[in-house]
Amino acid sequence: MATPKETLRRRASRVRRSLKKVANGRPRLSVHRSSKNIYAQVIDDVEGRTLAAASTLDAGLRTDLKTGADKDAAAAVGKLVAERAKEAGVTDVVFDRGSFIYHGRVKALADGAREAGLNF
């Protein structure tokens, strides 16, 4: 029987494998959430580098947010990562939810990024 950590790793790799088929050279917006914070990165897999990143630990967001573990914080991170991605010249991405269900904070981050101008 697989451990919970192995199960999550397998689920994330399954999601990424399907994303690479439909990416067509677009960078991916990768999301990770912990119990206290949420993180987002725009990653160019061809070159293997991060183009933009944001999290609830950023100094500008930390002072404005009540906590890093709610939907409002996730939406703020989504808007911030979208702004930084647009500054880097990225407008189209594929959304990589990793092993997380597209619900709650992950969905709020995606909606915030869409509102700020990212297309996916």
N, C-alpha and C. Protein backbone atom coordinates (compact mmCIF):
# COMPACT_ATOMS: atom_id res chain seq x y z
N MET A 1 0.84 -1.19 0.00
CA MET A 1 0.00 0.00 0.00
C MET A 1 0.88 1.24 0.00
N ALA A 2 0.52 2.20 -0.82
CA ALA A 2 1.30 3.44 -0.96
C ALA A 2 1.07 4.36 0.23
N THR A 3 2.13 5.08 0.60
CA THR A 3 1.99 6.05 1.68
C THR A 3 1.25 7.28 1.14
N PRO A 4 0.70 8.08 2.01
CA PRO A 4 0.00 9.29 1.55
C PRO A 4 0.89 10.22 0.74
N LYS A 5 2.16 10.33 1.11
CA LYS A 5 3.08 11.19 0.38
C LYS A 5 3.29 10.67 -1.05
N GLU A 6 3.43 9.37 -1.20
CA GLU A 6 3.59 8.78 -2.54
C GLU A 6 2.33 8.98 -3.37
N THR A 7 1.17 8.88 -2.75
CA THR A 7 -0.09 9.08 -3.46
C THR A 7 -0.19 10.50 -3.99
N LEU A 8 0.17 11.50 -3.17
CA LEU A 8 0.14 12.89 -3.61
C LEU A 8 1.13 13.15 -4.74
N ARG A 9 2.33 12.55 -4.63
CA ARG A 9 3.34 12.72 -5.66
C ARG A 9 2.86 12.13 -6.99
N ARG A 10 2.23 10.97 -6.92
CA ARG A 10 1.71 10.33 -8.13
C ARG A 10 0.60 11.16 -8.77
N ARG A 11 -0.29 11.69 -7.93
CA ARG A 11 -1.38 12.51 -8.45
C ARG A 11 -0.84 13.76 -9.13
N ALA A 12 0.15 14.42 -8.50
CA ALA A 12 0.74 15.62 -9.09
C ALA A 12 1.43 15.30 -10.41
N SER A 13 2.14 14.19 -10.48
CA SER A 13 2.82 13.84 -11.74
C SER A 13 1.81 13.49 -12.82
N ARG A 14 0.69 12.91 -12.45
CA ARG A 14 -0.37 12.60 -13.42
C ARG A 14 -0.95 13.88 -14.00
N VAL A 15 -1.17 14.88 -13.16
CA VAL A 15 -1.70 16.17 -13.62
C VAL A 15 -0.68 16.85 -14.53
N ARG A 16 0.60 16.85 -14.14
CA ARG A 16 1.63 17.50 -14.95
C ARG A 16 1.83 16.81 -16.29
N ARG A 17 1.72 15.49 -16.30
CA ARG A 17 1.86 14.75 -17.55
C ARG A 17 0.76 15.14 -18.54
N SER A 18 -0.46 15.30 -18.06
CA SER A 18 -1.54 15.71 -18.96
C SER A 18 -1.40 17.17 -19.38
N LEU A 19 -0.83 18.01 -18.53
CA LEU A 19 -0.61 19.42 -18.88
C LEU A 19 0.42 19.57 -19.98
N LYS A 20 1.46 18.77 -19.94
CA LYS A 20 2.51 18.88 -20.95
C LYS A 20 1.99 18.55 -22.34
N LYS A 21 0.96 17.72 -22.42
CA LYS A 21 0.38 17.37 -23.71
C LYS A 21 -0.36 18.55 -24.34
N VAL A 22 -0.97 19.38 -23.52
CA VAL A 22 -1.79 20.48 -24.04
C VAL A 22 -1.12 21.85 -23.92
N ALA A 23 0.09 21.91 -23.37
CA ALA A 23 0.74 23.19 -23.08
C ALA A 23 1.11 23.96 -24.34
N ASN A 24 1.59 23.30 -25.38
CA ASN A 24 2.02 23.95 -26.62
C ASN A 24 3.02 25.07 -26.36
N GLY A 25 3.97 24.84 -25.47
CA GLY A 25 5.01 25.82 -25.21
C GLY A 25 4.65 26.91 -24.22
N ARG A 26 3.43 26.89 -23.71
CA ARG A 26 3.05 27.90 -22.72
C ARG A 26 3.67 27.57 -21.36
N PRO A 27 4.03 28.57 -20.58
CA PRO A 27 4.50 28.31 -19.23
C PRO A 27 3.35 27.82 -18.36
N ARG A 28 3.68 27.22 -17.22
CA ARG A 28 2.62 26.73 -16.34
C ARG A 28 2.58 27.54 -15.06
N LEU A 29 1.37 27.76 -14.59
CA LEU A 29 1.14 28.43 -13.32
C LEU A 29 0.97 27.33 -12.28
N SER A 30 2.01 27.11 -11.50
CA SER A 30 2.02 26.03 -10.51
C SER A 30 1.59 26.56 -9.15
N VAL A 31 0.73 25.81 -8.48
CA VAL A 31 0.19 26.23 -7.18
C VAL A 31 0.55 25.21 -6.12
N HIS A 32 0.96 25.70 -4.96
CA HIS A 32 1.15 24.84 -3.79
C HIS A 32 0.49 25.52 -2.61
N ARG A 33 -0.26 24.74 -1.86
CA ARG A 33 -0.87 25.31 -0.66
C ARG A 33 -0.48 24.47 0.55
N SER A 34 -0.20 25.15 1.63
CA SER A 34 0.05 24.49 2.89
C SER A 34 -1.08 24.88 3.83
N SER A 35 -0.99 24.45 5.05
CA SER A 35 -2.05 24.78 5.99
C SER A 35 -2.05 26.26 6.37
N LYS A 36 -0.91 26.94 6.20
CA LYS A 36 -0.81 28.34 6.63
C LYS A 36 -0.60 29.33 5.49
N ASN A 37 -0.13 28.88 4.32
CA ASN A 37 0.21 29.79 3.23
C ASN A 37 -0.15 29.18 1.89
N ILE A 38 -0.07 30.00 0.85
CA ILE A 38 -0.27 29.53 -0.52
C ILE A 38 0.80 30.17 -1.39
N TYR A 39 1.31 29.39 -2.35
CA TYR A 39 2.43 29.81 -3.19
C TYR A 39 2.05 29.60 -4.65
N ALA A 40 2.53 30.47 -5.53
CA ALA A 40 2.28 30.32 -6.96
C ALA A 40 3.53 30.72 -7.73
N GLN A 41 3.81 29.96 -8.80
CA GLN A 41 4.96 30.25 -9.67
C GLN A 41 4.54 30.09 -11.11
N VAL A 42 5.08 30.94 -11.98
CA VAL A 42 4.94 30.77 -13.41
C VAL A 42 6.28 30.21 -13.88
N ILE A 43 6.26 28.97 -14.40
CA ILE A 43 7.48 28.23 -14.72
C ILE A 43 7.55 27.96 -16.21
N ASP A 44 8.70 28.26 -16.80
CA ASP A 44 8.96 27.89 -18.19
C ASP A 44 9.67 26.55 -18.18
N ASP A 45 8.97 25.48 -18.57
CA ASP A 45 9.54 24.14 -18.51
C ASP A 45 10.58 23.90 -19.58
N VAL A 46 10.54 24.65 -20.68
CA VAL A 46 11.52 24.46 -21.75
C VAL A 46 12.90 24.89 -21.26
N GLU A 47 12.97 26.07 -20.64
CA GLU A 47 14.25 26.57 -20.13
C GLU A 47 14.51 26.12 -18.69
N GLY A 48 13.47 25.69 -17.99
CA GLY A 48 13.64 25.23 -16.62
C GLY A 48 13.88 26.35 -15.63
N ARG A 49 13.16 27.47 -15.81
CA ARG A 49 13.34 28.58 -14.88
C ARG A 49 12.00 29.21 -14.51
N THR A 50 11.98 29.86 -13.37
CA THR A 50 10.80 30.53 -12.87
C THR A 50 10.75 31.94 -13.43
N LEU A 51 9.62 32.29 -14.05
CA LEU A 51 9.45 33.61 -14.65
C LEU A 51 8.85 34.61 -13.67
N ALA A 52 7.94 34.14 -12.80
CA ALA A 52 7.31 35.00 -11.81
C ALA A 52 6.86 34.14 -10.64
N ALA A 53 6.83 34.73 -9.47
CA ALA A 53 6.41 33.99 -8.28
C ALA A 53 5.76 34.94 -7.29
N ALA A 54 4.87 34.40 -6.47
CA ALA A 54 4.24 35.17 -5.40
C ALA A 54 3.75 34.20 -4.33
N SER A 55 3.66 34.68 -3.13
CA SER A 55 3.13 33.87 -2.04
C SER A 55 2.58 34.80 -0.95
N THR A 56 1.93 34.21 0.01
CA THR A 56 1.41 35.00 1.12
C THR A 56 2.53 35.44 2.05
N LEU A 57 3.74 34.98 1.81
CA LEU A 57 4.88 35.40 2.63
C LEU A 57 5.55 36.65 2.09
N ASP A 58 5.13 37.15 0.91
CA ASP A 58 5.68 38.38 0.35
C ASP A 58 5.40 39.55 1.29
N ALA A 59 6.36 40.43 1.40
CA ALA A 59 6.26 41.54 2.36
C ALA A 59 5.04 42.42 2.11
N GLY A 60 4.73 42.71 0.85
CA GLY A 60 3.60 43.57 0.54
C GLY A 60 2.26 42.95 0.92
N LEU A 61 2.13 41.67 0.74
CA LEU A 61 0.87 41.00 1.06
C LEU A 61 0.73 40.70 2.54
N ARG A 62 1.84 40.42 3.18
CA ARG A 62 1.79 39.99 4.58
C ARG A 62 1.13 41.02 5.49
N THR A 63 1.40 42.29 5.22
CA THR A 63 0.84 43.33 6.07
C THR A 63 -0.64 43.56 5.79
N ASP A 64 -1.08 43.30 4.55
CA ASP A 64 -2.46 43.56 4.17
C ASP A 64 -3.42 42.43 4.56
N LEU A 65 -2.90 41.22 4.70
CA LEU A 65 -3.77 40.06 4.91
C LEU A 65 -3.93 39.73 6.38
N LYS A 66 -5.11 39.25 6.71
CA LYS A 66 -5.39 38.80 8.08
C LYS A 66 -4.65 37.50 8.34
N THR A 67 -4.75 36.57 7.38
CA THR A 67 -4.06 35.29 7.47
C THR A 67 -3.68 34.85 6.06
N GLY A 68 -2.73 33.96 5.96
CA GLY A 68 -2.32 33.47 4.65
C GLY A 68 -3.07 32.24 4.22
N ALA A 69 -4.05 31.82 5.01
CA ALA A 69 -4.71 30.54 4.76
C ALA A 69 -6.20 30.69 4.49
N ASP A 70 -6.59 31.73 3.74
CA ASP A 70 -8.01 31.85 3.39
C ASP A 70 -8.15 32.24 1.92
N LYS A 71 -9.39 32.29 1.44
CA LYS A 71 -9.64 32.56 0.03
C LYS A 71 -9.22 33.97 -0.37
N ASP A 72 -9.38 34.93 0.52
CA ASP A 72 -8.97 36.30 0.21
C ASP A 72 -7.47 36.39 -0.04
N ALA A 73 -6.69 35.69 0.78
CA ALA A 73 -5.24 35.67 0.60
C ALA A 73 -4.88 34.99 -0.71
N ALA A 74 -5.56 33.92 -1.05
CA ALA A 74 -5.28 33.20 -2.29
C ALA A 74 -5.59 34.07 -3.50
N ALA A 75 -6.70 34.81 -3.45
CA ALA A 75 -7.05 35.70 -4.56
C ALA A 75 -6.01 36.81 -4.71
N ALA A 76 -5.51 37.33 -3.60
CA ALA A 76 -4.49 38.37 -3.64
C ALA A 76 -3.19 37.83 -4.24
N VAL A 77 -2.83 36.61 -3.90
CA VAL A 77 -1.63 35.99 -4.47
C VAL A 77 -1.82 35.78 -5.97
N GLY A 78 -3.01 35.36 -6.39
CA GLY A 78 -3.30 35.17 -7.80
C GLY A 78 -3.15 36.46 -8.59
N LYS A 79 -3.66 37.56 -8.04
CA LYS A 79 -3.53 38.85 -8.72
C LYS A 79 -2.07 39.29 -8.79
N LEU A 80 -1.34 39.08 -7.71
CA LEU A 80 0.07 39.50 -7.67
C LEU A 80 0.91 38.68 -8.65
N VAL A 81 0.71 37.38 -8.70
CA VAL A 81 1.50 36.56 -9.63
C VAL A 81 1.14 36.89 -11.08
N ALA A 82 -0.12 37.23 -11.34
CA ALA A 82 -0.52 37.60 -12.69
C ALA A 82 0.13 38.92 -13.11
N GLU A 83 0.19 39.88 -12.20
CA GLU A 83 0.85 41.16 -12.50
C GLU A 83 2.33 40.95 -12.79
N ARG A 84 2.97 40.11 -11.98
CA ARG A 84 4.40 39.86 -12.18
C ARG A 84 4.65 39.09 -13.47
N ALA A 85 3.74 38.19 -13.82
CA ALA A 85 3.88 37.44 -15.06
C ALA A 85 3.71 38.36 -16.26
N LYS A 86 2.78 39.29 -16.18
CA LYS A 86 2.57 40.24 -17.29
C LYS A 86 3.79 41.13 -17.45
N GLU A 87 4.44 41.51 -16.35
CA GLU A 87 5.67 42.29 -16.42
C GLU A 87 6.77 41.50 -17.11
N ALA A 88 6.76 40.17 -16.93
CA ALA A 88 7.76 39.30 -17.56
C ALA A 88 7.38 38.96 -19.00
N GLY A 89 6.23 39.44 -19.46
CA GLY A 89 5.82 39.22 -20.84
C GLY A 89 5.00 37.96 -21.05
N VAL A 90 4.41 37.42 -20.01
CA VAL A 90 3.61 36.20 -20.11
C VAL A 90 2.14 36.55 -19.94
N THR A 91 1.31 36.14 -20.91
CA THR A 91 -0.13 36.36 -20.78
C THR A 91 -0.91 35.06 -20.82
N ASP A 92 -0.37 34.02 -21.50
CA ASP A 92 -1.05 32.73 -21.60
C ASP A 92 -0.27 31.68 -20.83
N VAL A 93 -0.96 30.95 -19.96
CA VAL A 93 -0.34 29.89 -19.17
C VAL A 93 -1.27 28.68 -19.14
N VAL A 94 -0.75 27.58 -18.62
CA VAL A 94 -1.59 26.43 -18.28
C VAL A 94 -1.58 26.34 -16.76
N PHE A 95 -2.71 25.97 -16.19
CA PHE A 95 -2.87 25.96 -14.73
C PHE A 95 -2.51 24.58 -14.19
N ASP A 96 -1.51 24.54 -13.31
CA ASP A 96 -1.06 23.30 -12.69
C ASP A 96 -1.48 23.32 -11.23
N ARG A 97 -2.52 22.57 -10.93
CA ARG A 97 -3.03 22.53 -9.56
C ARG A 97 -2.25 21.55 -8.70
N GLY A 98 -1.34 20.80 -9.30
CA GLY A 98 -0.56 19.82 -8.56
C GLY A 98 -1.45 18.70 -8.07
N SER A 99 -1.32 18.33 -6.82
CA SER A 99 -2.13 17.25 -6.27
C SER A 99 -3.38 17.77 -5.56
N PHE A 100 -3.65 19.07 -5.71
CA PHE A 100 -4.75 19.69 -4.98
C PHE A 100 -6.02 19.73 -5.84
N ILE A 101 -7.15 19.60 -5.20
CA ILE A 101 -8.44 19.67 -5.88
C ILE A 101 -8.72 21.12 -6.26
N TYR A 102 -9.30 21.33 -7.44
CA TYR A 102 -9.64 22.68 -7.91
C TYR A 102 -10.89 23.14 -7.15
N HIS A 103 -10.65 23.64 -5.95
CA HIS A 103 -11.74 24.01 -5.05
C HIS A 103 -11.17 24.90 -3.97
N GLY A 104 -11.96 25.79 -3.44
CA GLY A 104 -11.53 26.60 -2.31
C GLY A 104 -10.41 27.57 -2.65
N ARG A 105 -9.29 27.46 -1.92
CA ARG A 105 -8.18 28.40 -2.09
C ARG A 105 -7.52 28.28 -3.46
N VAL A 106 -7.43 27.08 -4.01
CA VAL A 106 -6.82 26.90 -5.32
C VAL A 106 -7.67 27.57 -6.39
N LYS A 107 -8.97 27.41 -6.29
CA LYS A 107 -9.89 28.05 -7.24
C LYS A 107 -9.86 29.57 -7.08
N ALA A 108 -9.78 30.06 -5.84
CA ALA A 108 -9.71 31.50 -5.59
C ALA A 108 -8.44 32.10 -6.20
N LEU A 109 -7.32 31.39 -6.11
CA LEU A 109 -6.08 31.86 -6.71
C LEU A 109 -6.23 31.93 -8.23
N ALA A 110 -6.82 30.91 -8.83
CA ALA A 110 -7.03 30.89 -10.28
C ALA A 110 -7.93 32.03 -10.72
N ASP A 111 -9.00 32.26 -9.99
CA ASP A 111 -9.92 33.34 -10.33
C ASP A 111 -9.24 34.70 -10.20
N GLY A 112 -8.42 34.89 -9.17
CA GLY A 112 -7.68 36.14 -9.00
C GLY A 112 -6.70 36.38 -10.14
N ALA A 113 -6.04 35.32 -10.60
CA ALA A 113 -5.10 35.45 -11.71
C ALA A 113 -5.83 35.78 -13.00
N ARG A 114 -7.00 35.19 -13.20
CA ARG A 114 -7.79 35.49 -14.40
C ARG A 114 -8.26 36.94 -14.39
N GLU A 115 -8.70 37.43 -13.24
CA GLU A 115 -9.16 38.81 -13.12
C GLU A 115 -8.03 39.79 -13.45
N ALA A 116 -6.80 39.42 -13.09
CA ALA A 116 -5.68 40.31 -13.33
C ALA A 116 -5.12 40.20 -14.74
N GLY A 117 -5.67 39.29 -15.55
CA GLY A 117 -5.30 39.28 -16.97
C GLY A 117 -4.59 38.07 -17.49
N LEU A 118 -4.37 37.03 -16.69
CA LEU A 118 -3.77 35.81 -17.23
C LEU A 118 -4.83 34.98 -17.93
N ASN A 119 -4.47 34.37 -19.05
CA ASN A 119 -5.39 33.52 -19.80
C ASN A 119 -5.03 32.06 -19.62
N PHE A 120 -5.99 31.27 -19.16
CA PHE A 120 -5.83 29.81 -19.09
C PHE A 120 -7.19 29.17 -18.99
